[in-house]
């Protein structure tokens, strides 16, 4: 089979399935994994696809990211499969008697249906929406961070009062995310949100970054948590291969959430 014919077949598979896995292509075309990766690199340079860690997807010119300014029906909706996979893996990191911070992003909300129910632990949140879901859980001791209520677009407290209260806690683990995530770390759209995230990370023994692939490679207005302060990076196989390799070079533990 000629290279151009093979690459056309690869595009047809992506169009049908939404993605391709490099090792599956190698088996299908009876080629080495390096040769398939070379094909994918050439096709990425031609703008035909976007390489991911382990394969490729169609290009995503306009990332579709749930943001703090979206209506509740979208931000706190069911979540995409890859987001739910990340939320589920994140929830599995919680251990007995842990003190945990969970924020108010959509992917945090996704953790609610996966939270452990068979042992006690404590959750601290600055989100009214999250607090509403955990306050009646018998195995969870819950605390809501106080502060100035923001507009209808957000039910999370991030002002100086919230930061002052956050500093009084000592966390075993915190789960952070942002509008942008790259080799520099997590970034967000406002100085207040960045400062609050920095405060949370400063009192946590372990910082876990929740990084759906559509946020990776994006850099927002303000850096919140530098990459050096992150302990675990949870993403999905749609993540850009180049950025993931750069992040791994920072000696950061990268975990891929399984959709199955």
C-alpha atoms as a PDB file:
ATOM      1  CA  UNK A   1       0.000   0.000   0.000  1.00  0.00           C
ATOM      2  CA  UNK A   2       1.321   3.448  -0.951  1.00  0.00           C
ATOM      3  CA  UNK A   3       1.871   5.997   1.811  1.00  0.00           C
ATOM      4  CA  UNK A   4      -0.796   8.364   0.452  1.00  0.00           C
ATOM      5  CA  UNK A   5      -3.337   5.556   0.262  1.00  0.00           C
ATOM      6  CA  UNK A   6      -2.533   4.505   3.819  1.00  0.00           C
ATOM      7  CA  UNK A   7      -2.894   8.075   5.103  1.00  0.00           C
ATOM      8  CA  UNK A   8      -6.230   8.397   3.336  1.00  0.00           C
ATOM      9  CA  UNK A   9      -7.378   5.238   5.097  1.00  0.00           C
ATOM     10  CA  UNK A  10      -6.245   6.727   8.411  1.00  0.00           C
ATOM     11  CA  UNK A  11      -8.359   9.834   7.749  1.00  0.00           C
ATOM     12  CA  UNK A  12     -11.352   7.649   6.942  1.00  0.00           C
ATOM     13  CA  UNK A  13     -10.955   5.821  10.262  1.00  0.00           C
ATOM     14  CA  UNK A  14     -10.736   9.117  12.181  1.00  0.00           C
ATOM     15  CA  UNK A  15     -13.824  10.438  10.388  1.00  0.00           C
ATOM     16  CA  UNK A  16     -15.714   7.268  11.340  1.00  0.00           C
ATOM     17  CA  UNK A  17     -14.473   6.712  14.902  1.00  0.00           C
ATOM     18  CA  UNK A  18     -13.398  10.206  15.955  1.00  0.00           C
ATOM     19  CA  UNK A  19      -9.873   9.028  16.732  1.00  0.00           C
ATOM     20  CA  UNK A  20      -7.161   6.511  15.869  1.00  0.00           C
ATOM     21  CA  UNK A  21      -4.820   4.566  18.150  1.00  0.00           C
ATOM     22  CA  UNK A  22      -1.252   4.267  16.858  1.00  0.00           C
ATOM     23  CA  UNK A  23      -0.709   0.680  18.007  1.00  0.00           C
ATOM     24  CA  UNK A  24      -3.978  -0.394  16.345  1.00  0.00           C
ATOM     25  CA  UNK A  25      -2.895   1.227  13.066  1.00  0.00           C
ATOM     26  CA  UNK A  26       0.468  -0.522  13.259  1.00  0.00           C
ATOM     27  CA  UNK A  27      -1.287  -3.878  13.570  1.00  0.00           C
ATOM     28  CA  UNK A  28      -3.810  -3.080  10.856  1.00  0.00           C
ATOM     29  CA  UNK A  29      -1.228  -1.989   8.287  1.00  0.00           C
ATOM     30  CA  UNK A  30       1.449  -4.446   9.501  1.00  0.00           C
ATOM     31  CA  UNK A  31       3.959  -1.662  10.077  1.00  0.00           C
ATOM     32  CA  UNK A  32       6.209  -0.573  12.908  1.00  0.00           C
ATOM     33  CA  UNK A  33       4.869   1.839  15.497  1.00  0.00           C
ATOM     34  CA  UNK A  34       7.582   4.351  14.525  1.00  0.00           C
ATOM     35  CA  UNK A  35       6.411   4.319  10.897  1.00  0.00           C
ATOM     36  CA  UNK A  36       2.814   4.989  11.931  1.00  0.00           C
ATOM     37  CA  UNK A  37       3.915   7.815  14.205  1.00  0.00           C
ATOM     38  CA  UNK A  38       5.843   9.281  11.275  1.00  0.00           C
ATOM     39  CA  UNK A  39       2.669   9.142   9.167  1.00  0.00           C
ATOM     40  CA  UNK A  40       0.703  10.905  11.887  1.00  0.00           C
ATOM     41  CA  UNK A  41       3.396  13.589  12.257  1.00  0.00           C
ATOM     42  CA  UNK A  42       3.323  14.299   8.507  1.00  0.00           C
ATOM     43  CA  UNK A  43      -0.479  14.471   8.524  1.00  0.00           C
ATOM     44  CA  UNK A  44      -0.400  16.809  11.524  1.00  0.00           C
ATOM     45  CA  UNK A  45       2.005  19.136   9.671  1.00  0.00           C
ATOM     46  CA  UNK A  46      -0.478  19.141   6.783  1.00  0.00           C
ATOM     47  CA  UNK A  47      -3.265  20.167   9.155  1.00  0.00           C
ATOM     48  CA  UNK A  48      -5.204  16.945   8.588  1.00  0.00           C
ATOM     49  CA  UNK A  49      -5.243  15.760  12.193  1.00  0.00           C
ATOM     50  CA  UNK A  50      -3.992  16.496  15.698  1.00  0.00           C
ATOM     51  CA  UNK A  51      -1.585  14.035  17.269  1.00  0.00           C
ATOM     52  CA  UNK A  52      -2.503  12.857  20.719  1.00  0.00           C
ATOM     53  CA  UNK A  53      -0.724  10.728  23.267  1.00  0.00           C
ATOM     54  CA  UNK A  54      -1.124   7.325  21.675  1.00  0.00           C
ATOM     55  CA  UNK A  55      -2.821   8.288  18.436  1.00  0.00           C
ATOM     56  CA  UNK A  56      -4.609  11.180  16.744  1.00  0.00           C
ATOM     57  CA  UNK A  57      -7.939  12.991  16.485  1.00  0.00           C
ATOM     58  CA  UNK A  58      -9.405  15.492  14.042  1.00  0.00           C
ATOM     59  CA  UNK A  59      -8.150  19.075  14.529  1.00  0.00           C
ATOM     60  CA  UNK A  60     -10.024  21.155  17.094  1.00  0.00           C
ATOM     61  CA  UNK A  61      -9.713  24.785  15.980  1.00  0.00           C
ATOM     62  CA  UNK A  62     -12.121  26.072  18.619  1.00  0.00           C
ATOM     63  CA  UNK A  63     -11.844  24.292  21.968  1.00  0.00           C
ATOM     64  CA  UNK A  64     -15.190  23.535  23.592  1.00  0.00           C
ATOM     65  CA  UNK A  65     -14.501  24.070  27.268  1.00  0.00           C
ATOM     66  CA  UNK A  66     -16.976  24.351  30.115  1.00  0.00           C
ATOM     67  CA  UNK A  67     -16.171  27.675  31.756  1.00  0.00           C
ATOM     68  CA  UNK A  68     -17.075  29.512  34.952  1.00  0.00           C
ATOM     69  CA  UNK A  69     -19.252  31.966  32.971  1.00  0.00           C
ATOM     70  CA  UNK A  70     -21.482  29.352  31.351  1.00  0.00           C
ATOM     71  CA  UNK A  71     -25.068  28.715  32.499  1.00  0.00           C
ATOM     72  CA  UNK A  72     -25.451  26.004  35.138  1.00  0.00           C
ATOM     73  CA  UNK A  73     -27.211  23.695  32.669  1.00  0.00           C
ATOM     74  CA  UNK A  74     -24.011  23.566  30.577  1.00  0.00           C
ATOM     75  CA  UNK A  75     -21.339  23.944  33.208  1.00  0.00           C
ATOM     76  CA  UNK A  76     -22.976  21.406  35.527  1.00  0.00           C
ATOM     77  CA  UNK A  77     -24.302  19.144  32.794  1.00  0.00           C
ATOM     78  CA  UNK A  78     -23.643  15.444  32.302  1.00  0.00           C
ATOM     79  CA  UNK A  79     -20.112  16.072  31.001  1.00  0.00           C
ATOM     80  CA  UNK A  80     -18.355  14.519  28.025  1.00  0.00           C
ATOM     81  CA  UNK A  81     -17.144  10.906  28.342  1.00  0.00           C
ATOM     82  CA  UNK A  82     -13.479  11.945  28.632  1.00  0.00           C
ATOM     83  CA  UNK A  83     -14.335  14.496  31.332  1.00  0.00           C
ATOM     84  CA  UNK A  84     -16.264  11.880  33.302  1.00  0.00           C
ATOM     85  CA  UNK A  85     -13.341   9.473  32.994  1.00  0.00           C
ATOM     86  CA  UNK A  86     -11.025  12.105  34.478  1.00  0.00           C
ATOM     87  CA  UNK A  87     -13.527  12.914  37.254  1.00  0.00           C
ATOM     88  CA  UNK A  88     -13.877   9.209  38.118  1.00  0.00           C
ATOM     89  CA  UNK A  89     -10.116   8.661  38.269  1.00  0.00           C
ATOM     90  CA  UNK A  90      -9.712  11.792  40.399  1.00  0.00           C
ATOM     91  CA  UNK A  91     -12.338  10.611  42.902  1.00  0.00           C
ATOM     92  CA  UNK A  92     -10.495   7.285  43.232  1.00  0.00           C
ATOM     93  CA  UNK A  93      -7.468   9.202  44.610  1.00  0.00           C
ATOM     94  CA  UNK A  94      -9.378  10.043  47.804  1.00  0.00           C
ATOM     95  CA  UNK A  95      -8.393   7.850  50.750  1.00  0.00           C
ATOM     96  CA  UNK A  96      -9.861   7.142  54.169  1.00  0.00           C
ATOM     97  CA  UNK A  97      -9.741  10.145  56.545  1.00  0.00           C
ATOM     98  CA  UNK A  98      -8.315  12.463  53.855  1.00  0.00           C
ATOM     99  CA  UNK A  99      -8.993  16.180  53.923  1.00  0.00           C
ATOM    100  CA  UNK A 100      -9.815  17.136  50.344  1.00  0.00           C
ATOM    101  CA  UNK A 101     -10.439  20.332  48.386  1.00  0.00           C
ATOM    102  CA  UNK A 102     -12.849  20.212  45.447  1.00  0.00           C
ATOM    103  CA  UNK A 103     -13.561  23.438  43.544  1.00  0.00           C
ATOM    104  CA  UNK A 104     -16.519  24.571  41.492  1.00  0.00           C
ATOM    105  CA  UNK A 105     -15.543  23.756  37.897  1.00  0.00           C
ATOM    106  CA  UNK A 106     -17.667  21.472  35.742  1.00  0.00           C
ATOM    107  CA  UNK A 107     -15.119  18.661  35.998  1.00  0.00           C
ATOM    108  CA  UNK A 108     -15.225  19.001  39.807  1.00  0.00           C
ATOM    109  CA  UNK A 109     -18.991  18.662  39.679  1.00  0.00           C
ATOM    110  CA  UNK A 110     -18.453  15.508  37.634  1.00  0.00           C
ATOM    111  CA  UNK A 111     -16.633  13.978  40.614  1.00  0.00           C
ATOM    112  CA  UNK A 112     -19.816  14.029  42.711  1.00  0.00           C
ATOM    113  CA  UNK A 113     -21.213  10.802  41.246  1.00  0.00           C
ATOM    114  CA  UNK A 114     -17.919   8.975  41.819  1.00  0.00           C
ATOM    115  CA  UNK A 115     -17.085  10.048  45.373  1.00  0.00           C
ATOM    116  CA  UNK A 116     -16.266   7.146  47.730  1.00  0.00           C
ATOM    117  CA  UNK A 117     -19.149   6.119  49.974  1.00  0.00           C
ATOM    118  CA  UNK A 118     -17.588   3.365  52.089  1.00  0.00           C
ATOM    119  CA  UNK A 119     -15.213   5.308  54.350  1.00  0.00           C
ATOM    120  CA  UNK A 120     -15.049   8.692  56.113  1.00  0.00           C
ATOM    121  CA  UNK A 121     -13.221  11.772  54.816  1.00  0.00           C
ATOM    122  CA  UNK A 122     -13.576  15.554  54.746  1.00  0.00           C
ATOM    123  CA  UNK A 123     -14.304  17.797  51.763  1.00  0.00           C
ATOM    124  CA  UNK A 124     -13.669  21.521  51.742  1.00  0.00           C
ATOM    125  CA  UNK A 125     -15.158  23.515  48.885  1.00  0.00           C
ATOM    126  CA  UNK A 126     -15.680  27.134  47.867  1.00  0.00           C
ATOM    127  CA  UNK A 127     -18.612  26.174  45.633  1.00  0.00           C
ATOM    128  CA  UNK A 128     -22.256  26.445  46.664  1.00  0.00           C
ATOM    129  CA  UNK A 129     -23.179  23.852  44.032  1.00  0.00           C
ATOM    130  CA  UNK A 130     -20.669  21.304  45.339  1.00  0.00           C
ATOM    131  CA  UNK A 131     -21.654  22.006  48.954  1.00  0.00           C
ATOM    132  CA  UNK A 132     -25.294  21.330  48.088  1.00  0.00           C
ATOM    133  CA  UNK A 133     -24.370  17.842  46.861  1.00  0.00           C
ATOM    134  CA  UNK A 134     -22.070  16.769  49.703  1.00  0.00           C
ATOM    135  CA  UNK A 135     -23.758  18.212  52.788  1.00  0.00           C
ATOM    136  CA  UNK A 136     -26.108  15.245  53.229  1.00  0.00           C
ATOM    137  CA  UNK A 137     -23.526  12.513  52.600  1.00  0.00           C
ATOM    138  CA  UNK A 138     -23.206  10.623  55.876  1.00  0.00           C
ATOM    139  CA  UNK A 139     -19.572   9.577  55.348  1.00  0.00           C
ATOM    140  CA  UNK A 140     -18.387  13.080  54.380  1.00  0.00           C
ATOM    141  CA  UNK A 141     -17.638  15.936  56.777  1.00  0.00           C
ATOM    142  CA  UNK A 142     -18.119  19.048  54.668  1.00  0.00           C
ATOM    143  CA  UNK A 143     -16.973  22.650  54.984  1.00  0.00           C
ATOM    144  CA  UNK A 144     -17.954  25.584  52.774  1.00  0.00           C
ATOM    145  CA  UNK A 145     -15.435  28.395  52.346  1.00  0.00           C
ATOM    146  CA  UNK A 146     -17.064  31.796  52.861  1.00  0.00           C
ATOM    147  CA  UNK A 147     -16.592  35.074  51.034  1.00  0.00           C
ATOM    148  CA  UNK A 148     -18.318  37.568  48.770  1.00  0.00           C
ATOM    149  CA  UNK A 149     -20.978  36.018  46.568  1.00  0.00           C
ATOM    150  CA  UNK A 150     -20.256  36.577  42.901  1.00  0.00           C
ATOM    151  CA  UNK A 151     -22.770  37.073  40.098  1.00  0.00           C
ATOM    152  CA  UNK A 152     -25.206  34.523  38.730  1.00  0.00           C
ATOM    153  CA  UNK A 153     -22.468  33.071  36.497  1.00  0.00           C
ATOM    154  CA  UNK A 154     -20.611  31.604  39.449  1.00  0.00           C
ATOM    155  CA  UNK A 155     -21.449  30.207  42.854  1.00  0.00           C
ATOM    156  CA  UNK A 156     -17.826  30.036  44.035  1.00  0.00           C
ATOM    157  CA  UNK A 157     -16.069  32.290  46.554  1.00  0.00           C
ATOM    158  CA  UNK A 158     -12.548  33.374  45.612  1.00  0.00           C
ATOM    159  CA  UNK A 159     -12.024  36.774  47.270  1.00  0.00           C
ATOM    160  CA  UNK A 160      -9.602  37.738  50.067  1.00  0.00           C
ATOM    161  CA  UNK A 161     -12.005  36.449  52.741  1.00  0.00           C
ATOM    162  CA  UNK A 162     -12.141  33.051  51.033  1.00  0.00           C
ATOM    163  CA  UNK A 163      -8.345  32.934  50.795  1.00  0.00           C
ATOM    164  CA  UNK A 164      -7.951  33.865  54.463  1.00  0.00           C
ATOM    165  CA  UNK A 165     -10.272  31.040  55.505  1.00  0.00           C
ATOM    166  CA  UNK A 166      -8.588  28.584  53.133  1.00  0.00           C
ATOM    167  CA  UNK A 167      -5.217  29.213  54.806  1.00  0.00           C
ATOM    168  CA  UNK A 168      -6.617  27.842  58.085  1.00  0.00           C
ATOM    169  CA  UNK A 169      -6.877  24.334  56.624  1.00  0.00           C
ATOM    170  CA  UNK A 170      -4.298  21.649  55.946  1.00  0.00           C
ATOM    171  CA  UNK A 171      -5.184  19.467  52.961  1.00  0.00           C
ATOM    172  CA  UNK A 172      -4.086  15.951  52.114  1.00  0.00           C
ATOM    173  CA  UNK A 173      -5.088  16.429  48.481  1.00  0.00           C
ATOM    174  CA  UNK A 174      -6.610  19.114  46.279  1.00  0.00           C
ATOM    175  CA  UNK A 175      -8.072  18.898  42.780  1.00  0.00           C
ATOM    176  CA  UNK A 176      -7.406  21.948  40.627  1.00  0.00           C
ATOM    177  CA  UNK A 177      -8.125  22.889  37.028  1.00  0.00           C
ATOM    178  CA  UNK A 178      -8.217  26.022  34.901  1.00  0.00           C
ATOM    179  CA  UNK A 179      -9.209  27.451  31.548  1.00  0.00           C
ATOM    180  CA  UNK A 180      -5.721  26.754  30.248  1.00  0.00           C
ATOM    181  CA  UNK A 181      -3.134  24.083  31.060  1.00  0.00           C
ATOM    182  CA  UNK A 182       0.308  23.850  29.500  1.00  0.00           C
ATOM    183  CA  UNK A 183       3.946  23.165  30.340  1.00  0.00           C
ATOM    184  CA  UNK A 184       4.001  26.305  32.534  1.00  0.00           C
ATOM    185  CA  UNK A 185       1.120  25.044  34.667  1.00  0.00           C
ATOM    186  CA  UNK A 186      -2.513  25.995  35.211  1.00  0.00           C
ATOM    187  CA  UNK A 187      -3.835  29.371  34.105  1.00  0.00           C
ATOM    188  CA  UNK A 188      -7.154  31.155  34.450  1.00  0.00           C
ATOM    189  CA  UNK A 189      -8.939  34.298  33.281  1.00  0.00           C
ATOM    190  CA  UNK A 190      -8.866  36.444  36.441  1.00  0.00           C
ATOM    191  CA  UNK A 191      -6.268  37.409  39.074  1.00  0.00           C
ATOM    192  CA  UNK A 192      -8.707  36.536  41.882  1.00  0.00           C
ATOM    193  CA  UNK A 193      -9.260  32.973  40.658  1.00  0.00           C
ATOM    194  CA  UNK A 194      -5.500  32.534  40.167  1.00  0.00           C
ATOM    195  CA  UNK A 195      -4.730  33.800  43.673  1.00  0.00           C
ATOM    196  CA  UNK A 196      -7.322  31.507  45.249  1.00  0.00           C
ATOM    197  CA  UNK A 197      -5.937  28.455  43.428  1.00  0.00           C
ATOM    198  CA  UNK A 198      -2.425  29.378  44.586  1.00  0.00           C
ATOM    199  CA  UNK A 199      -3.697  29.560  48.164  1.00  0.00           C
ATOM    200  CA  UNK A 200      -5.304  26.115  47.896  1.00  0.00           C
ATOM    201  CA  UNK A 201      -2.151  24.540  46.467  1.00  0.00           C
ATOM    202  CA  UNK A 202      -0.012  26.129  49.188  1.00  0.00           C
ATOM    203  CA  UNK A 203      -1.866  24.279  51.967  1.00  0.00           C
ATOM    204  CA  UNK A 204      -2.098  20.915  50.172  1.00  0.00           C
ATOM    205  CA  UNK A 205       0.309  17.993  50.532  1.00  0.00           C
ATOM    206  CA  UNK A 206      -0.675  16.728  47.063  1.00  0.00           C
ATOM    207  CA  UNK A 207      -1.890  18.809  44.113  1.00  0.00           C
ATOM    208  CA  UNK A 208      -3.795  17.022  41.357  1.00  0.00           C
ATOM    209  CA  UNK A 209      -4.422  18.806  38.055  1.00  0.00           C
ATOM    210  CA  UNK A 210      -7.561  17.782  36.161  1.00  0.00           C
ATOM    211  CA  UNK A 211      -6.694  18.354  32.503  1.00  0.00           C
ATOM    212  CA  UNK A 212      -9.219  17.425  29.789  1.00  0.00           C
ATOM    213  CA  UNK A 213      -7.469  17.478  26.397  1.00  0.00           C
ATOM    214  CA  UNK A 214      -9.293  20.567  25.087  1.00  0.00           C
ATOM    215  CA  UNK A 215      -7.669  22.698  27.802  1.00  0.00           C
ATOM    216  CA  UNK A 216      -4.132  21.466  27.165  1.00  0.00           C
ATOM    217  CA  UNK A 217      -1.887  23.822  25.221  1.00  0.00           C
ATOM    218  CA  UNK A 218      -4.011  26.853  26.101  1.00  0.00           C
ATOM    219  CA  UNK A 219      -2.653  29.728  28.183  1.00  0.00           C
ATOM    220  CA  UNK A 220      -5.086  32.102  29.872  1.00  0.00           C
ATOM    221  CA  UNK A 221      -4.556  35.594  31.261  1.00  0.00           C
ATOM    222  CA  UNK A 222      -3.146  34.660  34.686  1.00  0.00           C
ATOM    223  CA  UNK A 223      -1.016  31.723  35.786  1.00  0.00           C
ATOM    224  CA  UNK A 224      -2.480  30.159  38.923  1.00  0.00           C
ATOM    225  CA  UNK A 225      -0.408  27.085  39.793  1.00  0.00           C
ATOM    226  CA  UNK A 226       3.043  26.551  38.237  1.00  0.00           C
ATOM    227  CA  UNK A 227       3.843  23.110  36.859  1.00  0.00           C
ATOM    228  CA  UNK A 228       6.485  22.585  39.574  1.00  0.00           C
ATOM    229  CA  UNK A 229       3.760  22.690  42.254  1.00  0.00           C
ATOM    230  CA  UNK A 230       1.653  19.952  40.648  1.00  0.00           C
ATOM    231  CA  UNK A 231       2.152  16.358  41.803  1.00  0.00           C
ATOM    232  CA  UNK A 232      -0.255  14.414  39.571  1.00  0.00           C
ATOM    233  CA  UNK A 233      -1.587  15.337  36.133  1.00  0.00           C
ATOM    234  CA  UNK A 234      -4.772  13.511  35.080  1.00  0.00           C
ATOM    235  CA  UNK A 235      -5.731  13.793  31.414  1.00  0.00           C
ATOM    236  CA  UNK A 236      -7.188  11.702  28.589  1.00  0.00           C
ATOM    237  CA  UNK A 237      -5.741  10.133  25.442  1.00  0.00           C
ATOM    238  CA  UNK A 238      -6.936  13.076  23.359  1.00  0.00           C
ATOM    239  CA  UNK A 239      -4.183  15.228  24.885  1.00  0.00           C
ATOM    240  CA  UNK A 240      -1.606  16.771  22.551  1.00  0.00           C
ATOM    241  CA  UNK A 241       1.404  14.472  22.393  1.00  0.00           C
ATOM    242  CA  UNK A 242       3.962  17.298  22.231  1.00  0.00           C
ATOM    243  CA  UNK A 243       2.641  19.051  25.345  1.00  0.00           C
ATOM    244  CA  UNK A 244       2.384  15.801  27.309  1.00  0.00           C
ATOM    245  CA  UNK A 245       6.003  14.952  26.493  1.00  0.00           C
ATOM    246  CA  UNK A 246       7.078  18.430  27.656  1.00  0.00           C
ATOM    247  CA  UNK A 247       5.124  17.997  30.887  1.00  0.00           C
ATOM    248  CA  UNK A 248       6.657  14.565  31.500  1.00  0.00           C
ATOM    249  CA  UNK A 249      10.107  16.128  31.156  1.00  0.00           C
ATOM    250  CA  UNK A 250       9.231  18.166  34.263  1.00  0.00           C
ATOM    251  CA  UNK A 251       9.211  14.841  36.164  1.00  0.00           C
ATOM    252  CA  UNK A 252       5.494  15.132  36.739  1.00  0.00           C
ATOM    253  CA  UNK A 253       3.354  12.006  37.149  1.00  0.00           C
ATOM    254  CA  UNK A 254       0.951  11.872  34.178  1.00  0.00           C
ATOM    255  CA  UNK A 255      -2.053   9.521  34.337  1.00  0.00           C
ATOM    256  CA  UNK A 256      -4.438   8.869  31.467  1.00  0.00           C
ATOM    257  CA  UNK A 257      -8.081   8.283  32.305  1.00  0.00           C
ATOM    258  CA  UNK A 258      -9.583   5.237  30.612  1.00  0.00           C
ATOM    259  CA  UNK A 259     -12.927   5.779  28.876  1.00  0.00           C
ATOM    260  CA  UNK A 260     -13.937   2.164  29.457  1.00  0.00           C
END
